Amino acid sequence: MSQKLLTSSEVAEQIGVAINTLKMWRAKNKLPKFIRLNGKKLVRYKQSDIDDFIAACVYNTEHNL
């Protein structure tokens, strides 16, 4: 199954951060897998990897009373 590849702008908008934040996270290996096309010039992301990244950031704040 083929997935649309997302640009850095699309991912930044989805998760509510600046593109420069994405660049910093990539440099620090804090982002999910990404794809480099055309050498190192084009960076793309799979939607499923972004979905997994978001799911991993969810914290359960419910407390048992």
Protein backbone atom coordinates (compact mmCIF):
# COMPACT_ATOMS: atom_id res chain seq x y z
CA MET A 1 0.00 0.00 0.00
CA SER A 2 1.39 3.35 -1.04
CA GLN A 3 1.23 6.36 1.26
CA LYS A 4 1.43 10.02 0.39
CA LEU A 5 4.72 11.44 1.59
CA LEU A 6 4.39 14.58 3.69
CA THR A 7 6.61 17.64 3.50
CA SER A 8 8.17 19.26 6.54
CA SER A 9 5.63 22.08 6.24
CA GLU A 10 2.72 19.64 6.33
CA VAL A 11 4.14 17.79 9.35
CA ALA A 12 4.90 21.03 11.19
CA GLU A 13 1.32 22.18 10.65
CA GLN A 14 -0.11 18.82 11.77
CA ILE A 15 1.77 18.76 15.06
CA GLY A 16 1.75 22.52 15.65
CA VAL A 17 5.46 23.35 15.60
CA ALA A 18 7.71 25.50 13.43
CA ILE A 19 9.68 23.97 10.57
CA ASN A 20 12.88 24.95 12.36
CA THR A 21 11.74 22.88 15.34
CA LEU A 22 11.38 19.86 13.04
CA LYS A 23 14.91 20.46 11.73
CA MET A 24 16.25 20.63 15.27
CA TRP A 25 14.38 17.45 16.27
CA ARG A 26 15.74 15.64 13.19
CA ALA A 27 19.28 16.67 14.13
CA LYS A 28 18.72 15.36 17.67
CA ASN A 29 16.98 12.16 16.48
CA LYS A 30 13.75 13.10 18.30
CA LEU A 31 11.54 12.62 15.26
CA PRO A 32 10.20 9.43 13.75
CA LYS A 33 11.76 7.97 10.66
CA PHE A 34 12.05 10.32 7.73
CA ILE A 35 13.04 9.92 4.11
CA ARG A 36 15.72 11.84 2.24
CA LEU A 37 15.14 12.14 -1.48
CA ASN A 38 17.44 13.59 -4.13
CA GLY A 39 20.53 13.31 -1.97
CA LYS A 40 19.92 15.31 1.18
CA LYS A 41 17.81 18.12 -0.23
CA LEU A 42 14.28 16.75 0.10
CA VAL A 43 12.96 15.44 3.42
CA ARG A 44 9.64 13.60 3.53
CA TYR A 45 7.64 11.71 6.16
CA LYS A 46 5.13 8.86 6.00
CA GLN A 47 1.79 9.71 7.59
CA SER A 48 1.83 6.43 9.52
CA ASP A 49 5.19 7.38 11.12
CA ILE A 50 3.80 10.77 12.15
CA ASP A 51 0.67 9.11 13.57
CA ASP A 52 2.88 6.75 15.60
CA PHE A 53 4.97 9.69 16.82
CA ILE A 54 1.86 11.55 17.99
CA ALA A 55 0.46 8.45 19.69
CA ALA A 56 3.74 7.97 21.57
CA CYS A 57 3.43 11.50 22.94
CA VAL A 58 0.03 10.91 24.57
CA TYR A 59 0.08 10.84 28.36
CA ASN A 60 -2.71 9.44 30.50
CA THR A 61 -3.46 11.91 33.25
CA GLU A 62 -6.38 10.00 34.78
CA HIS A 63 -5.86 9.04 38.40
CA ASN A 64 -7.67 6.29 40.23
CA LEU A 65 -9.56 7.70 43.19
